Protein backbone atom coordinates (compact mmCIF):
# COMPACT_ATOMS: atom_id res chain seq x y z
CA MET A 1 14.00 -132.58 -23.45
CA ALA A 2 10.32 -132.18 -22.63
CA ILE A 3 8.80 -128.91 -21.42
CA GLU A 4 7.58 -129.37 -17.86
CA LYS A 5 4.32 -128.05 -16.40
CA PRO A 6 5.79 -125.13 -14.38
CA LEU A 7 7.24 -123.66 -17.56
CA LEU A 8 3.95 -124.17 -19.42
CA ASP A 9 2.13 -122.37 -16.61
CA ALA A 10 4.69 -119.54 -16.69
CA ALA A 11 4.30 -119.25 -20.46
CA LEU A 12 0.51 -118.94 -20.13
CA THR A 13 0.85 -116.27 -17.45
CA LEU A 14 3.31 -114.27 -19.57
CA ALA A 15 1.19 -114.62 -22.72
CA LYS A 16 -1.89 -113.23 -20.98
CA ALA A 17 -0.03 -110.44 -19.20
CA ALA A 18 1.78 -109.32 -22.37
CA GLY A 19 -1.20 -109.63 -24.71
CA ALA A 20 0.67 -112.13 -26.86
CA LYS A 21 -0.99 -113.33 -30.05
CA ALA A 22 0.53 -116.84 -30.19
CA MET A 23 2.55 -119.41 -28.25
CA VAL A 24 5.53 -121.32 -29.60
CA PHE A 25 7.00 -124.50 -28.12
CA LEU A 26 10.66 -125.10 -28.96
CA ASP A 27 10.99 -128.49 -27.27
CA GLU A 28 8.90 -131.62 -26.82
CA VAL A 29 5.43 -131.08 -25.37
CA SER A 30 2.29 -133.20 -25.15
CA GLU A 31 -0.16 -132.25 -27.91
CA GLU A 32 -2.95 -133.75 -25.82
CA THR A 33 -2.08 -131.46 -22.91
CA LEU A 34 -2.22 -128.39 -25.12
CA LEU A 35 -5.45 -129.30 -26.90
CA GLN A 36 -7.33 -130.32 -23.75
CA ASN A 37 -6.40 -127.22 -21.73
CA SER A 38 -8.96 -124.50 -22.45
CA GLU A 39 -6.47 -121.76 -21.52
CA PHE A 40 -4.21 -122.72 -24.42
CA SER A 41 -7.19 -122.55 -26.80
CA GLU A 42 -7.02 -118.75 -26.60
CA PHE A 43 -3.82 -118.80 -28.69
CA PRO A 44 -2.59 -120.24 -31.98
CA LEU A 45 -0.01 -122.84 -30.96
CA VAL A 46 3.17 -123.63 -32.90
CA LEU A 47 5.23 -126.76 -32.25
CA ILE A 48 8.86 -126.84 -33.44
CA GLY A 49 9.84 -130.37 -34.39
CA PRO A 50 10.80 -132.74 -37.19
CA THR A 51 7.66 -132.23 -39.32
CA PHE A 52 5.86 -129.42 -41.15
CA ASP A 53 2.07 -129.59 -40.91
CA VAL A 54 -0.43 -126.73 -41.01
CA LYS A 55 -3.64 -128.73 -41.46
CA ASN A 56 -4.70 -128.19 -37.85
CA LYS A 57 -5.13 -124.43 -37.50
CA ARG A 58 -5.06 -124.66 -33.72
CA LEU A 59 -1.82 -126.60 -33.57
CA LEU A 60 0.69 -125.78 -36.31
CA LYS A 61 3.89 -127.76 -36.74
CA LEU A 62 7.03 -126.10 -38.05
CA SER A 63 10.36 -127.73 -38.90
CA ILE A 64 13.47 -125.57 -38.42
CA PRO A 65 17.16 -126.57 -38.49
CA ARG A 66 18.10 -127.14 -34.87
CA ASN A 67 21.75 -126.23 -35.38
CA LEU A 68 20.73 -122.55 -35.60
CA ASN A 69 21.00 -120.29 -32.59
CA LEU A 70 17.88 -119.15 -30.70
CA GLY A 71 17.68 -115.76 -32.39
CA SER A 72 17.73 -117.28 -35.87
CA ILE A 73 15.14 -119.90 -34.91
CA LEU A 74 12.87 -117.13 -33.64
CA ASN A 75 13.40 -115.18 -36.88
CA PHE A 76 11.98 -118.17 -38.76
CA VAL A 77 9.12 -118.51 -36.29
CA SER A 78 8.26 -114.82 -36.66
CA ALA A 79 8.29 -115.08 -40.45
CA PHE A 80 6.06 -118.14 -40.29
CA LEU A 81 3.51 -116.42 -38.02
CA VAL A 82 3.46 -113.35 -40.27
CA GLU A 83 3.03 -115.43 -43.42
CA ARG A 84 0.12 -117.32 -41.83
CA GLY A 85 -1.55 -114.00 -40.99
CA LEU A 86 -1.39 -114.72 -37.25
CA LEU A 87 0.85 -111.77 -36.36
CA GLY A 88 1.56 -108.33 -37.73
CA GLU A 89 4.15 -105.66 -37.09
CA GLY A 90 4.47 -104.94 -33.38
CA ASP A 91 2.58 -108.06 -32.28
CA SER A 92 4.27 -110.44 -29.87
CA TYR A 93 4.32 -114.15 -29.08
CA VAL A 94 5.59 -116.21 -26.18
CA TYR A 95 8.14 -118.96 -26.76
CA VAL A 96 8.94 -121.68 -24.28
CA SER A 97 11.68 -124.33 -24.21
CA SER A 98 12.62 -126.97 -21.67
CA GLU A 99 14.75 -124.35 -19.91
CA ALA A 100 13.20 -120.90 -20.36
CA VAL A 101 10.24 -118.74 -21.31
CA GLY A 102 10.50 -115.55 -23.36
CA LEU A 103 8.61 -112.88 -25.29
CA ARG A 104 9.34 -111.98 -28.92
CA ARG A 105 7.97 -108.99 -30.83
CA VAL A 106 7.70 -108.77 -34.63
CA LYS A 107 9.91 -105.98 -35.95
CA LYS A 108 9.10 -103.52 -38.70
CA ASN A 109 10.07 -104.52 -42.26
CA LEU A 110 11.87 -107.62 -41.04
CA PHE A 111 10.22 -110.12 -43.36
CA ALA A 112 8.92 -110.45 -46.87
CA SER A 113 8.25 -114.14 -46.68
CA ASN A 114 5.09 -114.72 -48.74
CA GLY A 115 5.29 -118.24 -50.11
CA PHE A 116 8.41 -119.28 -48.19
CA PHE A 117 6.64 -121.73 -45.91
CA SER A 118 4.52 -123.18 -48.72
CA GLN A 119 7.65 -124.91 -50.03
CA PRO A 120 8.88 -128.33 -48.89
CA GLN A 121 10.69 -127.30 -45.72
CA SER A 122 12.76 -130.46 -45.52
CA VAL A 123 14.84 -129.33 -48.53
CA ILE A 124 15.44 -125.84 -47.13
CA GLN A 125 16.25 -127.29 -43.72
CA ARG A 126 18.73 -129.78 -45.17
CA LEU A 127 20.57 -127.08 -47.14
CA ILE A 128 20.80 -124.77 -44.14
CA GLU A 129 22.21 -127.64 -42.08
CA ILE A 130 24.86 -128.28 -44.78
CA ALA A 131 25.64 -124.55 -44.95
CA VAL A 132 26.13 -124.47 -41.16
CA GLU A 133 28.56 -127.40 -41.37
CA LEU A 134 30.47 -125.74 -44.22
CA SER A 135 30.59 -122.48 -42.28
CA ILE A 136 32.14 -124.17 -39.26
CA GLU A 137 34.37 -126.75 -40.97
CA GLY A 138 35.18 -125.21 -44.36
CA ARG A 139 36.59 -127.67 -46.86
CA GLU A 140 40.00 -129.22 -46.23
CA GLY A 141 40.74 -126.43 -43.77
CA TYR A 142 39.82 -123.58 -46.11
CA PRO A 143 36.74 -121.32 -45.90
CA VAL A 144 34.07 -121.95 -48.53
CA GLY A 145 31.49 -119.62 -50.03
CA THR A 146 28.57 -120.98 -52.02
CA LEU A 147 24.98 -120.38 -53.04
CA PHE A 148 21.92 -122.65 -53.22
CA VAL A 149 18.85 -121.61 -55.27
CA VAL A 150 15.77 -123.73 -54.57
CA GLY A 151 12.58 -123.92 -56.61
CA ASP A 152 11.14 -122.35 -59.79
CA VAL A 153 13.94 -124.06 -61.71
CA LYS A 154 12.70 -123.20 -65.20
CA ASN A 155 12.72 -119.47 -64.53
CA VAL A 156 15.96 -119.58 -62.56
CA LEU A 157 17.69 -121.18 -65.55
CA LYS A 158 16.26 -118.46 -67.80
CA HIS A 159 18.17 -115.92 -65.70
CA SER A 160 21.44 -117.81 -65.60
CA HIS A 161 24.09 -119.59 -67.61
CA SER A 162 26.52 -122.40 -66.85
CA MET A 163 30.11 -121.50 -66.08
CA LEU A 164 31.32 -125.07 -66.73
CA PRO A 165 29.90 -128.41 -67.93
CA ASN A 166 27.08 -129.41 -65.60
CA PRO A 167 28.55 -132.05 -63.21
CA PHE A 168 25.05 -133.23 -62.25
CA LYS A 169 23.71 -133.76 -65.78
CA GLY A 170 22.34 -137.27 -66.13
CA HIS A 171 22.47 -137.89 -62.39
CA ARG A 172 19.57 -137.91 -59.95
CA ILE A 173 21.27 -136.72 -56.78
CA ASN A 174 18.92 -135.36 -54.14
CA VAL A 175 19.96 -133.18 -51.22
CA LEU A 176 17.78 -135.31 -48.95
CA ASP A 177 19.83 -138.43 -49.72
CA ARG A 178 22.23 -139.16 -46.89
CA GLU A 179 25.17 -139.77 -49.21
CA SER A 180 24.68 -136.47 -51.05
CA LYS A 181 26.13 -134.28 -48.29
CA GLU A 182 29.79 -134.94 -49.11
CA ILE A 183 29.11 -134.52 -52.83
CA ILE A 184 27.51 -131.13 -52.19
CA LYS A 185 30.39 -130.06 -49.96
CA GLU A 186 32.89 -131.04 -52.66
CA PHE A 187 31.17 -129.09 -55.44
CA ALA A 188 30.53 -126.12 -53.13
CA GLN A 189 34.12 -125.11 -53.90
CA LEU A 190 33.11 -124.28 -57.49
CA ASP A 191 32.26 -120.72 -58.45
CA GLY A 192 28.58 -120.13 -59.09
CA ALA A 193 25.34 -121.46 -57.65
CA PHE A 194 23.63 -124.79 -57.18
CA VAL A 195 20.18 -124.93 -58.78
CA ILE A 196 17.89 -127.30 -56.88
CA SER A 197 14.33 -128.45 -57.56
CA PRO A 198 11.57 -128.00 -54.93
CA LYS A 199 11.83 -131.72 -54.14
CA GLY A 200 15.58 -131.53 -53.61
CA ARG A 201 17.08 -132.81 -56.84
CA ILE A 202 20.32 -131.04 -57.78
CA VAL A 203 19.70 -129.77 -61.31
CA SER A 204 23.02 -128.03 -61.84
CA ALA A 205 26.06 -126.48 -60.16
CA GLY A 206 28.56 -123.81 -61.16
CA VAL A 207 25.71 -121.62 -62.44
CA TYR A 208 26.17 -117.89 -62.94
CA LEU A 209 23.04 -115.89 -62.05
CA GLU A 210 22.32 -113.07 -64.48
CA VAL A 211 20.92 -110.51 -62.06
CA ASP A 212 21.02 -106.76 -62.55
CA PRO A 213 20.03 -105.20 -59.20
CA LYS A 214 19.03 -101.92 -60.87
CA GLY A 215 15.28 -101.57 -60.87
CA LEU A 216 14.69 -104.65 -58.70
CA ASP A 217 14.07 -102.66 -55.50
CA LEU A 218 16.02 -105.07 -53.33
CA MET A 219 15.65 -104.34 -49.61
CA LEU A 220 19.07 -105.35 -48.34
CA PRO A 221 21.43 -104.11 -45.64
CA PRO A 222 24.46 -102.20 -46.96
CA GLY A 223 27.79 -103.86 -47.55
CA LEU A 224 26.67 -107.15 -49.11
CA GLY A 225 28.81 -108.48 -51.97
CA THR A 226 27.90 -109.71 -55.44
CA ARG A 227 27.02 -113.26 -54.31
CA HIS A 228 24.42 -111.94 -51.90
CA ILE A 229 23.03 -109.42 -54.36
CA ALA A 230 22.63 -112.24 -56.89
CA ALA A 231 21.05 -114.42 -54.19
CA ALA A 232 18.51 -111.74 -53.35
CA GLY A 233 17.94 -110.69 -56.97
CA ILE A 234 17.11 -114.16 -58.26
CA THR A 235 14.39 -114.46 -55.60
CA LYS A 236 12.93 -111.17 -56.80
CA LEU A 237 12.93 -112.28 -60.45
CA THR A 238 11.56 -115.76 -59.69
CA LYS A 239 9.66 -117.67 -57.00
CA ALA A 240 12.84 -119.35 -55.79
CA THR A 241 14.43 -119.21 -52.35
CA SER A 242 18.18 -118.77 -52.03
CA ILE A 243 20.63 -119.67 -49.30
CA SER A 244 24.06 -118.04 -49.46
CA LEU A 245 27.21 -118.82 -47.51
CA SER A 246 30.01 -116.28 -47.46
CA GLU A 247 33.65 -117.14 -46.85
CA SER A 248 33.34 -115.27 -43.55
CA GLY A 249 30.92 -118.01 -42.48
CA THR A 250 27.69 -115.99 -42.59
CA ILE A 251 24.57 -117.76 -43.86
CA ARG A 252 21.76 -115.71 -45.34
CA VAL A 253 18.34 -116.81 -46.60
CA PHE A 254 16.54 -114.69 -49.22
CA LYS A 255 12.96 -114.66 -50.47
CA ASN A 256 11.10 -112.07 -52.59
CA GLY A 257 14.25 -109.96 -52.79
CA MET A 258 14.61 -109.62 -49.02
CA MET A 259 16.79 -111.25 -46.41
CA LEU A 260 14.86 -113.59 -44.15
CA LEU A 261 17.72 -114.81 -41.97
CA GLU A 262 21.32 -113.89 -41.25
CA TYR A 263 23.42 -116.17 -39.06
CA ASN A 264 27.11 -116.86 -38.56
CA PRO A 265 27.72 -120.15 -36.68
CA ARG A 266 31.32 -119.09 -36.00
CA MET A 267 30.16 -116.20 -33.83
CA LYS A 268 28.76 -116.29 -30.32
CA TYR A 269 25.54 -114.32 -30.03
């Protein structure tokens, strides 16, 4: 649904009153309207949609999985604004959808996302969408836990070993291919991690990550298990991003040894 003018006006009023540093549009809005209105020119503008494009510094486009809840979407938005240098700790931005307007403030030590949004977002988005489906549906009625490691493949493989013959050797299966989803869901039942190239090709599955958390200075909440420690650790040792799914249904995204997102689709927030 499109964002109507009364909500745009309310968002502008709130942004000025609150001293917001940016404005974020979660639903469809006319780019022409935003660019031609001088009042909007006071703020960096972020459009959430199907594409990722940061060429226009006035109007940035960010692609986020839409099957996340609002809080998780705003976590990604906050990380993006911090990475672009548009917001810092304690700064706020206004977000507006077709139904509501709100204010979001950047929390202390919430993100360590340098380089996250320089990666092809379509691959990350696709894997999060698959993880959400696995969280809700499981596989054949049983809960599934798995781990996706994306990018910096050469170094990831240096810090890992295969737990079984590589089922993807000799194949060119890409996570962006429509028919790959069921294949991924099937092999998600294996122990170990998927290793995936920045462009989405599945390099291997059933991979054991050789991560010793001692000395890595991982900034993680207490109580996470070995899968999540490995997921965080590999992103500290390499430039990869990892997406973990626990059997409890919780999805976590890690970059630079820190957790960027935590979301359980089974829970109501």
